Amino acid sequence: MTIQAIYLSLAATAIALLYTVSLGHAPIYLSHDEVFFGIHAGAIAATGRDLNGNVFPLYFHILDRYGSAGPASPVYWAQPIHIYSQALFVRIFSLSEAVIRFPTALVGLINIILMYFVGRTLFESKRLGLIAAGLLALTPAHFFHSRLAADPLFPLAFVLAWLLCLITYDRQNRPWQLFLATLFLGVGLYAYVGALFMMPIYLLCTGGLLLARRDPPKRFALAAIGFVVCLLPLVAWLLSHPNAYVDQAHRYRLYDPERVGFLRGLLGLFGYTSLTERSSIYWNAFNASMLFFSGDSSLLNATRKAGVFLLPIAIFLPVGINHIINHQPTRGNLIVLLGLATAPLGAVAAGELFLPRELLIVPFAILIATLGVNWFLSARRRIWQTAGVALLVLVPMQFAYFAYDYFTAYRIRSSTWFEGNLRGALEEVIAGEGSTPGRMTYLSEDIPWIDAYWRFYLMKHGRTQLLANTVHFQAARFNVQSVPRGALIVDKSGESALETLAQSGELHQRSVVAEPNQTPSFVIYERR
């Protein structure tokens, strides 16, 4: 084995460890979406049915069983690929925070491998393929979302696979490569809700490539078949679940389907007011502050200590764009540039900008930035070569700072964004239940998503039978006289109604559950 191969092996091992180490504790807790996906995955792994009793459903209806809108109020319909991938690993290893996050980390590593092959094929250079893969691996947004048990990262794998097949088809002209390209797009429809809008756009890009090549009509038909064959299950499912479309239209504020029909609603999206709002969203998607300095405003989606990309990409990216437009406007490069330009359209369609909805900007920007790197390294003047090397050296240096913060301070400052230390409170209750069989548990509905979290930790510890001994209550209407002695009660810290009962002696404050910075989050009481 050569020295170069040894270095590459060590780098690959380091990246794999970086993406998978301490998944159960960084981020510090599970977000409510992760919990929703996890409990459905756990149910599928155990019984083949989701929590609503459906056998291997195509989509999962996420319900907030004790939410502000009332019992069993709908939240959204979840895409299936990531939940079934979680169910596979839960079936093998049992339910835990790390297990449900592992499939996403695996997809992140697959993306890096795919990026190498896309870069090598597109630029006809192993070196540029390695640079593209390395830049993607060290992209803060890609790393961050690879460690969440959620689905925004999944479409990247299908888009990269499509791009690889499409570029290979353009070079080798083999029909099966074209079919495989659009097949990946079709399967990607089930990866993330935004993919329902973005994958057809990439299908149109495929058609544009075929037009540029002046391919015969049968190639267009072949491309359409690859996509449509995957679309058919979705069409059949929508026909059998007509309310699903209404739910999604409400959730993403496309229009009010109960007041106007589909055509009027669609035309309304192209009205003056709608276009004004959505054009603002589109331009903000390329905001330099978000892309290169602060990232998403939510600590659920970013650490706020780095942008979507590291700072050197702010130099490499415009240089790469200029190189494509003025020097190398090949079909493959133009497809990548078009991908960058259209990446925010999923967020534009949803009418709201936040990072997960435009995460597809990452692979296209990295590929273009790789061209920028190549321009610097291939420049005739030594000063530009030196500048390119310096910027490349800055990439791992800035990422090291970002990663250190991610695994340390970010965990503490983001704890309340991840619903606080519910894990500590509920696992303490579960341990207490074990010491007193048959003990009742009372959970405050003032704690957001409490039913889902309770189910998750009961599944994790194999104690789902305790659901039969669980009562949900509202703190303002809590009747202590109806609570049996010995029962455990979980409430948010600072709720005066239960604190008053504890001061009067009717409840015993068993423990206070705090965040890492010692801020109290939840209180566990015991009925005396």
Protein backbone atom coordinates (compact mmCIF):
# COMPACT_ATOMS: atom_id res chain seq x y z
CA MET A 1 0.00 0.00 0.00
CA THR A 2 1.37 3.40 -0.99
CA ILE A 3 1.78 6.32 1.38
CA GLN A 4 -1.04 8.12 -0.45
CA ALA A 5 -3.38 5.15 0.03
CA ILE A 6 -2.52 5.03 3.73
CA TYR A 7 -3.31 8.73 4.13
CA LEU A 8 -6.61 8.32 2.30
CA SER A 9 -7.54 5.34 4.46
CA LEU A 10 -6.77 7.27 7.64
CA ALA A 11 -8.77 10.27 6.40
CA ALA A 12 -11.75 8.07 5.49
CA THR A 13 -11.63 6.38 8.90
CA ALA A 14 -11.46 9.73 10.68
CA ILE A 15 -14.46 11.06 8.74
CA ALA A 16 -16.47 7.89 9.42
CA LEU A 17 -15.74 8.18 13.15
CA LEU A 18 -16.50 11.89 13.15
CA TYR A 19 -19.91 11.33 11.57
CA THR A 20 -20.90 8.44 13.87
CA VAL A 21 -19.27 9.05 17.26
CA SER A 22 -21.53 9.91 20.22
CA LEU A 23 -24.72 10.00 18.14
CA GLY A 24 -26.85 9.53 21.23
CA HIS A 25 -25.50 12.66 22.94
CA ALA A 26 -24.64 15.14 20.20
CA PRO A 27 -27.03 16.81 19.62
CA ILE A 28 -27.74 16.63 23.31
CA TYR A 29 -31.36 15.37 23.15
CA LEU A 30 -33.85 14.25 20.54
CA SER A 31 -36.00 16.87 18.85
CA HIS A 32 -39.72 16.14 18.70
CA ASP A 33 -39.50 15.22 14.98
CA GLU A 34 -36.81 12.66 15.76
CA VAL A 35 -39.03 11.20 18.46
CA PHE A 36 -42.03 11.03 16.13
CA PHE A 37 -40.01 9.17 13.52
CA GLY A 38 -38.41 6.95 16.13
CA ILE A 39 -41.61 5.69 17.72
CA HIS A 40 -43.10 4.83 14.33
CA ALA A 41 -39.87 3.07 13.37
CA GLY A 42 -39.98 1.18 16.66
CA ALA A 43 -43.56 0.13 16.04
CA ILE A 44 -42.77 -1.04 12.49
CA ALA A 45 -39.73 -2.97 13.72
CA ALA A 46 -41.76 -4.70 16.42
CA THR A 47 -45.08 -5.41 14.71
CA GLY A 48 -44.97 -4.33 11.05
CA ARG A 49 -47.62 -1.72 11.86
CA ASP A 50 -47.24 1.98 12.55
CA LEU A 51 -48.71 3.60 15.66
CA ASN A 52 -51.99 4.13 13.81
CA GLY A 53 -52.33 0.41 13.10
CA ASN A 54 -51.45 0.54 9.40
CA VAL A 55 -49.48 -2.39 8.00
CA PHE A 56 -46.24 -1.19 6.33
CA PRO A 57 -47.79 2.12 5.19
CA LEU A 58 -46.44 4.15 2.29
CA TYR A 59 -46.66 7.34 4.38
CA PHE A 60 -46.81 7.81 8.13
CA HIS A 61 -49.47 10.03 9.66
CA ILE A 62 -47.77 11.82 12.53
CA LEU A 63 -50.22 12.73 15.29
CA ASP A 64 -49.81 14.90 18.36
CA ARG A 65 -52.02 12.90 20.69
CA TYR A 66 -52.08 15.55 23.41
CA GLY A 67 -51.33 18.75 21.53
CA SER A 68 -52.79 22.23 21.66
CA ALA A 69 -55.28 21.38 18.93
CA GLY A 70 -56.79 18.56 20.99
CA PRO A 71 -56.26 14.81 21.25
CA ALA A 72 -54.92 13.02 18.17
CA SER A 73 -54.57 16.25 16.20
CA PRO A 74 -52.69 15.78 12.89
CA VAL A 75 -49.20 17.21 12.56
CA TYR A 76 -48.05 16.02 9.12
CA TRP A 77 -47.54 13.06 6.82
CA ALA A 78 -43.97 11.75 7.01
CA GLN A 79 -42.01 10.33 4.08
CA PRO A 80 -41.25 6.61 4.38
CA ILE A 81 -37.60 6.03 3.43
CA HIS A 82 -35.92 7.33 6.56
CA ILE A 83 -38.48 5.72 8.91
CA TYR A 84 -38.07 2.31 7.29
CA SER A 85 -34.29 2.69 7.39
CA GLN A 86 -34.57 3.43 11.11
CA ALA A 87 -36.88 0.44 11.58
CA LEU A 88 -34.27 -1.83 9.99
CA PHE A 89 -31.60 -0.79 12.49
CA VAL A 90 -34.05 -0.80 15.41
CA ARG A 91 -34.95 -4.36 14.47
CA ILE A 92 -31.26 -5.31 14.64
CA PHE A 93 -30.05 -3.25 17.60
CA SER A 94 -33.21 -2.13 19.53
CA LEU A 95 -34.49 1.43 19.90
CA SER A 96 -32.21 4.18 21.18
CA GLU A 97 -31.16 7.71 20.29
CA ALA A 98 -27.98 6.56 18.58
CA VAL A 99 -29.69 3.78 16.62
CA ILE A 100 -32.35 6.02 15.04
CA ARG A 101 -29.69 8.60 14.15
CA PHE A 102 -27.31 6.07 12.63
CA PRO A 103 -29.13 5.67 9.25
CA THR A 104 -28.82 9.41 8.60
CA ALA A 105 -25.11 9.33 9.48
CA LEU A 106 -24.74 6.42 7.07
CA VAL A 107 -26.46 8.43 4.33
CA GLY A 108 -24.05 11.29 5.04
CA LEU A 109 -21.11 8.95 4.46
CA ILE A 110 -22.74 7.59 1.30
CA ASN A 111 -23.12 11.16 0.06
CA ILE A 112 -19.38 11.70 0.48
CA ILE A 113 -18.59 8.55 -1.51
CA LEU A 114 -21.05 9.53 -4.23
CA MET A 115 -19.56 13.02 -4.34
CA TYR A 116 -16.15 11.52 -5.07
CA PHE A 117 -17.51 9.56 -8.04
CA VAL A 118 -19.55 12.51 -9.33
CA GLY A 119 -16.53 14.83 -9.08
CA ARG A 120 -14.20 12.29 -10.67
CA THR A 121 -16.62 11.67 -13.54
CA LEU A 122 -17.66 15.28 -14.11
CA PHE A 123 -14.15 16.74 -13.98
CA GLU A 124 -12.37 13.62 -15.28
CA SER A 125 -9.93 13.85 -12.40
CA LYS A 126 -9.43 11.63 -9.34
CA ARG A 127 -7.80 14.55 -7.54
CA LEU A 128 -10.80 16.81 -8.04
CA GLY A 129 -13.09 13.94 -7.04
CA LEU A 130 -11.21 13.66 -3.74
CA ILE A 131 -11.31 17.43 -3.22
CA ALA A 132 -15.08 17.49 -3.83
CA ALA A 133 -15.61 14.60 -1.40
CA GLY A 134 -13.40 16.25 1.22
CA LEU A 135 -15.16 19.60 0.91
CA LEU A 136 -18.54 17.92 1.32
CA ALA A 137 -17.37 15.93 4.34
CA LEU A 138 -16.22 19.16 6.01
CA THR A 139 -19.32 21.19 5.13
CA PRO A 140 -20.96 22.20 8.45
CA ALA A 141 -24.56 21.85 7.22
CA HIS A 142 -23.92 18.40 5.77
CA PHE A 143 -22.17 17.20 8.92
CA PHE A 144 -24.84 18.71 11.18
CA HIS A 145 -27.80 17.13 9.39
CA SER A 146 -26.01 13.79 9.09
CA ARG A 147 -26.33 13.45 12.86
CA LEU A 148 -30.09 14.00 13.16
CA ALA A 149 -32.73 11.28 12.94
CA ALA A 150 -34.62 13.28 10.33
CA ASP A 151 -35.05 13.19 6.57
CA PRO A 152 -33.77 16.46 4.94
CA LEU A 153 -30.38 14.87 4.17
CA PHE A 154 -31.79 11.81 2.37
CA PRO A 155 -32.62 13.52 -0.98
CA LEU A 156 -28.95 14.45 -1.42
CA ALA A 157 -28.04 10.80 -1.93
CA PHE A 158 -30.65 10.36 -4.66
CA VAL A 159 -29.73 13.61 -6.40
CA LEU A 160 -26.03 12.71 -6.38
CA ALA A 161 -26.85 9.23 -7.74
CA TRP A 162 -29.00 10.86 -10.47
CA LEU A 163 -26.23 13.28 -11.33
CA LEU A 164 -23.62 10.49 -11.51
CA CYS A 165 -25.80 8.38 -13.82
CA LEU A 166 -26.75 11.37 -15.97
CA ILE A 167 -23.16 12.53 -16.47
CA THR A 168 -22.06 8.97 -17.21
CA TYR A 169 -24.89 8.65 -19.75
CA ASP A 170 -23.82 11.90 -21.40
CA ARG A 171 -20.31 10.47 -21.77
CA GLN A 172 -21.07 6.84 -22.66
CA ASN A 173 -24.56 7.07 -24.25
CA ARG A 174 -25.91 3.86 -22.67
CA PRO A 175 -29.71 3.88 -22.29
CA TRP A 176 -29.72 1.95 -19.00
CA GLN A 177 -27.73 4.78 -17.39
CA LEU A 178 -30.44 7.26 -18.37
CA PHE A 179 -33.15 4.97 -17.01
CA LEU A 180 -31.25 4.53 -13.75
CA ALA A 181 -30.81 8.29 -13.43
CA THR A 182 -34.53 9.03 -13.52
CA LEU A 183 -35.28 5.94 -11.43
CA PHE A 184 -33.19 7.45 -8.64
CA LEU A 185 -35.22 10.65 -8.96
CA GLY A 186 -38.43 8.65 -8.71
CA VAL A 187 -37.35 6.78 -5.60
CA GLY A 188 -36.14 10.09 -4.16
CA LEU A 189 -39.74 11.33 -4.15
CA TYR A 190 -40.17 9.32 -0.96
CA ALA A 191 -37.08 10.71 0.78
CA TYR A 192 -38.31 14.14 1.95
CA VAL A 193 -41.45 16.19 1.46
CA GLY A 194 -39.50 18.85 -0.47
CA ALA A 195 -38.39 16.15 -2.90
CA LEU A 196 -41.96 15.97 -4.22
CA PHE A 197 -41.32 19.40 -5.70
CA MET A 198 -37.61 19.16 -6.48
CA MET A 199 -37.37 15.76 -8.18
CA PRO A 200 -39.67 16.79 -11.06
CA ILE A 201 -37.44 19.85 -11.54
CA TYR A 202 -34.43 17.58 -11.94
CA LEU A 203 -36.46 15.45 -14.34
CA LEU A 204 -36.94 18.60 -16.44
CA CYS A 205 -33.17 19.18 -16.25
CA THR A 206 -32.73 15.67 -17.58
CA GLY A 207 -35.06 16.50 -20.46
CA GLY A 208 -33.03 19.64 -21.16
CA LEU A 209 -29.88 17.55 -21.43
CA LEU A 210 -31.59 15.19 -23.86
CA LEU A 211 -32.70 18.15 -25.95
CA ALA A 212 -29.17 19.53 -25.99
CA ARG A 213 -27.91 16.14 -27.14
CA ARG A 214 -30.69 15.92 -29.75
CA ASP A 215 -31.57 12.46 -28.52
CA PRO A 216 -34.40 10.56 -30.23
CA PRO A 217 -37.93 10.51 -28.71
CA LYS A 218 -37.49 6.99 -27.37
CA ARG A 219 -34.80 8.26 -24.98
CA PHE A 220 -37.27 10.83 -23.60
CA ALA A 221 -39.79 8.03 -23.14
CA LEU A 222 -37.20 5.89 -21.37
CA ALA A 223 -36.37 8.74 -18.99
CA ALA A 224 -40.08 9.32 -18.28
CA ILE A 225 -40.68 5.63 -17.59
CA GLY A 226 -37.89 5.51 -15.01
CA PHE A 227 -39.55 8.34 -13.09
CA VAL A 228 -43.22 7.43 -13.59
CA VAL A 229 -42.83 3.83 -12.48
CA CYS A 230 -41.89 5.19 -9.04
CA LEU A 231 -44.62 7.83 -9.11
CA LEU A 232 -47.46 5.31 -9.51
CA PRO A 233 -47.54 4.13 -5.85
CA LEU A 234 -47.80 7.76 -4.73
CA VAL A 235 -50.71 8.43 -7.11
CA ALA A 236 -52.52 5.31 -5.91
CA TRP A 237 -51.92 6.28 -2.29
CA LEU A 238 -53.24 9.83 -2.81
CA LEU A 239 -56.41 8.44 -4.39
CA SER A 240 -56.99 6.28 -1.32
CA HIS A 241 -56.06 9.10 1.12
CA PRO A 242 -57.71 12.23 -0.31
CA ASN A 243 -57.37 14.13 2.99
CA ALA A 244 -53.58 13.83 2.89
CA TYR A 245 -53.30 16.43 0.15
CA VAL A 246 -55.53 18.80 2.11
CA ASP A 247 -53.40 18.30 5.25
CA GLN A 248 -50.17 19.06 3.40
CA ALA A 249 -51.62 22.11 1.63
CA HIS A 250 -52.64 23.47 5.04
CA ARG A 251 -49.31 22.65 6.66
CA TYR A 252 -47.22 24.36 4.00
CA ARG A 253 -49.68 27.22 3.52
CA LEU A 254 -49.90 26.71 -0.21
CA TYR A 255 -53.54 27.78 -0.17
CA ASP A 256 -56.76 26.93 1.64
CA PRO A 257 -58.05 23.76 -0.12
CA GLU A 258 -61.32 23.93 1.83
CA ARG A 259 -62.15 27.33 0.30
CA VAL A 260 -60.71 27.13 -3.22
CA GLY A 261 -60.10 24.33 -5.70
CA PHE A 262 -56.78 23.01 -6.91
CA LEU A 263 -56.59 25.16 -10.07
CA ARG A 264 -57.52 28.38 -8.26
CA GLY A 265 -55.06 27.57 -5.51
CA LEU A 266 -52.34 26.88 -8.06
CA LEU A 267 -53.07 30.13 -9.90
CA GLY A 268 -53.01 31.93 -6.54
CA LEU A 269 -49.41 30.83 -6.06
CA PHE A 270 -48.55 32.89 -9.13
CA GLY A 271 -50.43 35.97 -7.95
CA TYR A 272 -48.63 39.25 -7.27
CA THR A 273 -48.61 38.92 -3.48
CA SER A 274 -47.47 35.30 -3.56
CA LEU A 275 -44.71 35.99 -6.09
CA THR A 276 -43.51 38.97 -4.05
CA GLU A 277 -43.19 36.88 -0.90
CA ARG A 278 -41.63 33.91 -2.68
CA SER A 279 -39.13 35.96 -4.65
CA SER A 280 -37.92 37.37 -1.33
CA ILE A 281 -37.51 33.84 0.00
CA TYR A 282 -35.54 32.85 -3.09
CA TRP A 283 -33.04 35.70 -2.81
CA ASN A 284 -32.67 35.23 0.94
CA ALA A 285 -31.72 31.61 0.27
CA PHE A 286 -28.44 32.98 -1.13
CA ASN A 287 -27.89 35.34 1.79
CA ALA A 288 -24.14 35.44 2.45
CA SER A 289 -24.63 35.70 6.20
CA MET A 290 -26.53 32.42 6.33
CA LEU A 291 -24.36 30.62 3.77
CA PHE A 292 -20.95 31.54 5.17
CA PHE A 293 -21.24 32.95 8.68
CA SER A 294 -24.22 32.02 10.86
CA GLY A 295 -26.21 29.26 9.18
CA ASP A 296 -29.87 28.73 10.02
CA SER A 297 -31.39 30.90 12.77
CA SER A 298 -32.65 27.82 14.64
CA LEU A 299 -30.28 25.87 16.87
CA LEU A 300 -32.15 22.78 15.72
CA ASN A 301 -30.55 23.25 12.30
CA ALA A 302 -27.21 24.97 12.96
CA THR A 303 -24.74 25.83 15.70
CA ARG A 304 -24.65 29.54 14.72
CA LYS A 305 -20.83 29.31 14.86
CA ALA A 306 -20.48 28.54 11.15
CA GLY A 307 -22.46 29.03 8.00
CA VAL A 308 -23.92 26.41 5.71
CA PHE A 309 -20.42 26.33 4.20
CA LEU A 310 -16.99 27.15 5.54
CA LEU A 311 -15.55 30.58 4.69
CA PRO A 312 -13.16 29.44 1.91
CA ILE A 313 -16.18 28.29 -0.11
CA ALA A 314 -17.20 31.96 -0.32
CA ILE A 315 -14.10 32.42 -2.51
CA PHE A 316 -14.09 29.13 -4.39
CA LEU A 317 -17.80 29.23 -5.30
CA PRO A 318 -17.94 32.50 -7.32
CA VAL A 319 -14.65 31.59 -9.02
CA GLY A 320 -16.18 28.26 -10.03
CA ILE A 321 -19.35 29.94 -11.30
CA ASN A 322 -17.29 32.34 -13.39
CA HIS A 323 -15.25 29.43 -14.77
CA ILE A 324 -18.39 27.58 -15.89
CA ILE A 325 -20.00 30.60 -17.54
CA ASN A 326 -16.93 32.01 -19.28
CA HIS A 327 -14.59 29.08 -19.84
CA GLN A 328 -16.16 25.64 -19.46
CA PRO A 329 -19.95 25.67 -20.15
CA THR A 330 -20.17 21.93 -20.74
CA ARG A 331 -23.51 20.16 -20.44
CA GLY A 332 -22.52 18.56 -17.13
CA ASN A 333 -21.28 21.83 -15.63
CA LEU A 334 -24.41 23.68 -16.75
CA ILE A 335 -26.60 21.01 -15.13
CA VAL A 336 -24.71 21.56 -11.87
CA LEU A 337 -25.07 25.34 -12.17
CA LEU A 338 -28.78 24.94 -12.86
CA GLY A 339 -29.01 22.68 -9.81
CA LEU A 340 -27.52 25.41 -7.66
CA ALA A 341 -29.94 28.00 -9.04
CA THR A 342 -33.01 25.81 -8.46
CA ALA A 343 -32.03 24.34 -5.06
CA PRO A 344 -34.05 26.90 -3.00
CA LEU A 345 -37.27 26.29 -4.94
CA GLY A 346 -38.49 23.73 -2.40
CA ALA A 347 -38.35 26.41 0.31
CA VAL A 348 -39.91 28.91 -2.10
CA ALA A 349 -42.83 26.57 -2.78
CA ALA A 350 -43.39 26.02 0.95
CA GLY A 351 -43.40 29.78 1.53
CA GLU A 352 -40.86 29.67 4.35
CA LEU A 353 -37.07 29.60 4.39
CA PHE A 354 -35.12 27.41 6.72
CA LEU A 355 -32.08 25.33 6.01
CA PRO A 356 -33.51 21.79 5.74
CA ARG A 357 -35.73 22.91 2.86
CA GLU A 358 -32.78 24.14 0.79
CA LEU A 359 -30.18 21.57 1.81
CA LEU A 360 -29.92 20.48 -1.84
CA ILE A 361 -27.87 23.63 -2.40
CA VAL A 362 -24.94 21.84 -0.73
CA PRO A 363 -23.85 19.24 -3.34
CA PHE A 364 -24.17 21.62 -6.28
CA ALA A 365 -22.26 24.40 -4.50
CA ILE A 366 -19.49 21.99 -3.50
CA LEU A 367 -19.07 20.76 -7.06
CA ILE A 368 -18.84 24.31 -8.38
CA ALA A 369 -16.47 25.28 -5.56
CA THR A 370 -14.27 22.35 -6.59
CA LEU A 371 -13.91 23.96 -10.00
CA GLY A 372 -12.88 27.12 -8.16
CA VAL A 373 -10.24 25.16 -6.24
CA ASN A 374 -8.94 23.75 -9.51
CA TRP A 375 -8.69 27.25 -10.99
CA PHE A 376 -6.49 28.38 -8.11
CA LEU A 377 -4.29 25.28 -8.13
CA SER A 378 -3.90 25.38 -11.93
CA ALA A 379 -3.25 29.12 -12.18
CA ARG A 380 -0.11 30.24 -14.00
CA ARG A 381 0.85 32.77 -11.36
CA ARG A 382 2.32 31.30 -8.19
CA ILE A 383 0.51 33.85 -6.01
CA TRP A 384 -2.87 32.36 -6.99
CA GLN A 385 -1.63 28.82 -6.43
CA THR A 386 -0.41 29.83 -2.97
CA ALA A 387 -3.72 31.51 -2.22
CA GLY A 388 -5.60 28.36 -3.26
CA VAL A 389 -3.45 26.14 -1.03
CA ALA A 390 -3.88 28.56 1.89
CA LEU A 391 -7.65 28.54 1.47
CA LEU A 392 -7.68 24.74 1.32
CA VAL A 393 -5.62 24.55 4.51
CA LEU A 394 -8.12 26.90 6.16
CA VAL A 395 -10.96 24.41 5.46
CA PRO A 396 -9.95 21.74 8.03
CA MET A 397 -8.82 24.43 10.46
CA GLN A 398 -12.20 26.17 10.51
CA PHE A 399 -14.02 22.85 10.55
CA ALA A 400 -12.00 21.76 13.60
CA TYR A 401 -13.21 24.88 15.45
CA PHE A 402 -16.79 24.19 14.34
CA ALA A 403 -16.62 20.51 15.37
CA TYR A 404 -15.11 21.30 18.77
CA ASP A 405 -17.93 23.73 19.48
CA TYR A 406 -20.49 21.22 18.18
CA PHE A 407 -19.41 18.49 20.60
CA THR A 408 -19.02 20.85 23.58
CA ALA A 409 -20.61 24.28 24.02
CA TYR A 410 -23.29 23.81 21.36
CA ARG A 411 -24.77 20.87 23.29
CA ILE A 412 -25.35 23.14 26.29
CA ARG A 413 -26.72 26.21 24.55
CA SER A 414 -29.06 24.16 22.35
CA SER A 415 -30.63 22.02 25.08
CA THR A 416 -33.87 23.99 25.36
CA TRP A 417 -34.29 23.93 21.57
CA PHE A 418 -34.38 20.13 21.83
CA GLU A 419 -37.30 20.30 24.31
CA GLY A 420 -35.04 20.19 27.36
CA ASN A 421 -33.95 17.27 29.48
CA LEU A 422 -37.10 15.19 29.05
CA ARG A 423 -34.88 12.15 28.71
CA GLY A 424 -33.57 12.63 32.24
CA ALA A 425 -37.06 13.19 33.69
CA LEU A 426 -38.78 10.30 31.95
CA GLU A 427 -35.98 7.79 32.47
CA GLU A 428 -36.00 8.65 36.17
CA VAL A 429 -39.74 7.98 36.26
CA ILE A 430 -39.28 4.67 34.44
CA ALA A 431 -36.64 3.65 36.99
CA GLY A 432 -39.04 4.63 39.78
CA GLU A 433 -41.82 2.56 38.19
CA GLY A 434 -39.53 -0.45 38.35
CA SER A 435 -39.19 -0.14 42.10
CA THR A 436 -42.97 -0.01 42.65
CA PRO A 437 -44.95 -2.23 40.22
CA GLY A 438 -48.36 -0.85 39.27
CA ARG A 439 -47.48 2.73 40.21
CA MET A 440 -49.41 5.36 38.21
CA THR A 441 -47.65 8.07 36.18
CA TYR A 442 -49.17 11.49 35.55
CA LEU A 443 -47.72 13.56 32.70
CA SER A 444 -48.49 17.25 32.20
CA GLU A 445 -49.94 18.16 28.82
CA ASP A 446 -48.20 21.52 29.23
CA ILE A 447 -44.99 19.74 28.26
CA PRO A 448 -44.91 19.80 24.43
CA TRP A 449 -45.01 16.41 22.71
CA ILE A 450 -45.00 14.61 26.07
CA ASP A 451 -46.92 11.56 24.81
CA ALA A 452 -44.44 10.92 21.99
CA TYR A 453 -41.41 11.28 24.27
CA TRP A 454 -42.97 9.00 26.89
CA ARG A 455 -43.66 6.34 24.25
CA PHE A 456 -40.12 6.60 22.92
CA TYR A 457 -38.44 6.03 26.28
CA LEU A 458 -40.84 3.26 27.22
CA MET A 459 -39.98 1.54 23.92
CA LYS A 460 -36.28 2.14 24.53
CA HIS A 461 -36.40 0.45 27.92
CA GLY A 462 -38.91 -2.25 26.96
CA ARG A 463 -41.58 -0.95 29.35
CA THR A 464 -44.49 -0.13 27.02
CA GLN A 465 -46.85 -1.91 29.43
CA LEU A 466 -46.61 1.23 31.58
CA LEU A 467 -48.77 3.07 29.05
CA ALA A 468 -51.76 1.45 30.74
CA ASN A 469 -50.80 3.21 33.99
CA THR A 470 -50.31 6.64 32.38
CA VAL A 471 -52.61 9.63 32.81
CA HIS A 472 -52.25 12.99 31.04
CA PHE A 473 -53.36 16.11 32.86
CA GLN A 474 -53.45 19.89 32.60
CA ALA A 475 -51.66 21.59 35.48
CA ALA A 476 -54.30 24.32 35.81
CA ARG A 477 -57.02 21.67 36.31
CA PHE A 478 -55.02 19.19 38.37
CA ASN A 479 -57.12 17.47 41.04
CA VAL A 480 -54.73 16.02 43.57
CA GLN A 481 -57.52 14.16 45.37
CA SER A 482 -58.08 11.93 42.32
CA VAL A 483 -54.44 10.84 42.25
CA PRO A 484 -53.61 7.57 44.05
CA ARG A 485 -50.90 7.61 46.69
CA GLY A 486 -47.45 6.77 45.44
CA ALA A 487 -48.14 8.07 41.91
CA LEU A 488 -45.37 9.99 40.14
CA ILE A 489 -46.21 13.31 38.50
CA VAL A 490 -44.07 15.05 35.86
CA ASP A 491 -44.51 18.76 35.25
CA LYS A 492 -42.57 21.70 33.89
CA SER A 493 -40.47 23.58 36.40
CA GLY A 494 -42.08 26.75 37.70
CA GLU A 495 -45.74 25.66 37.42
CA SER A 496 -47.29 27.34 40.49
CA ALA A 497 -50.35 25.05 40.77
CA LEU A 498 -48.32 21.95 41.62
CA GLU A 499 -45.72 23.91 43.57
CA THR A 500 -48.50 25.11 45.87
CA LEU A 501 -49.61 21.51 46.45
CA ALA A 502 -46.02 20.57 47.25
CA GLN A 503 -45.78 23.41 49.77
CA SER A 504 -49.00 22.25 51.43
CA GLY A 505 -47.61 18.74 51.79
CA GLU A 506 -50.08 16.98 49.46
CA LEU A 507 -47.30 16.39 46.95
CA HIS A 508 -43.67 15.55 47.65
CA GLN A 509 -41.08 17.09 45.34
CA ARG A 510 -39.10 14.00 44.50
CA SER A 511 -36.49 15.63 42.23
CA VAL A 512 -35.77 18.57 39.96
CA VAL A 513 -34.38 17.73 36.51
CA ALA A 514 -31.99 20.37 35.22
CA GLU A 515 -30.18 21.24 32.01
CA PRO A 516 -26.36 21.03 31.75
CA ASN A 517 -26.15 24.69 32.78
CA GLN A 518 -28.13 23.79 35.94
CA THR A 519 -31.31 25.57 34.81
CA PRO A 520 -34.32 23.59 36.15
CA SER A 521 -36.51 22.12 33.40
CA PHE A 522 -38.86 19.59 34.93
CA VAL A 523 -40.04 18.54 38.36
CA ILE A 524 -41.03 15.05 39.46
CA TYR A 525 -43.55 14.91 42.31
CA GLU A 526 -44.87 11.98 44.30
CA ARG A 527 -48.40 11.81 45.72
CA ARG A 528 -48.27 11.31 49.47
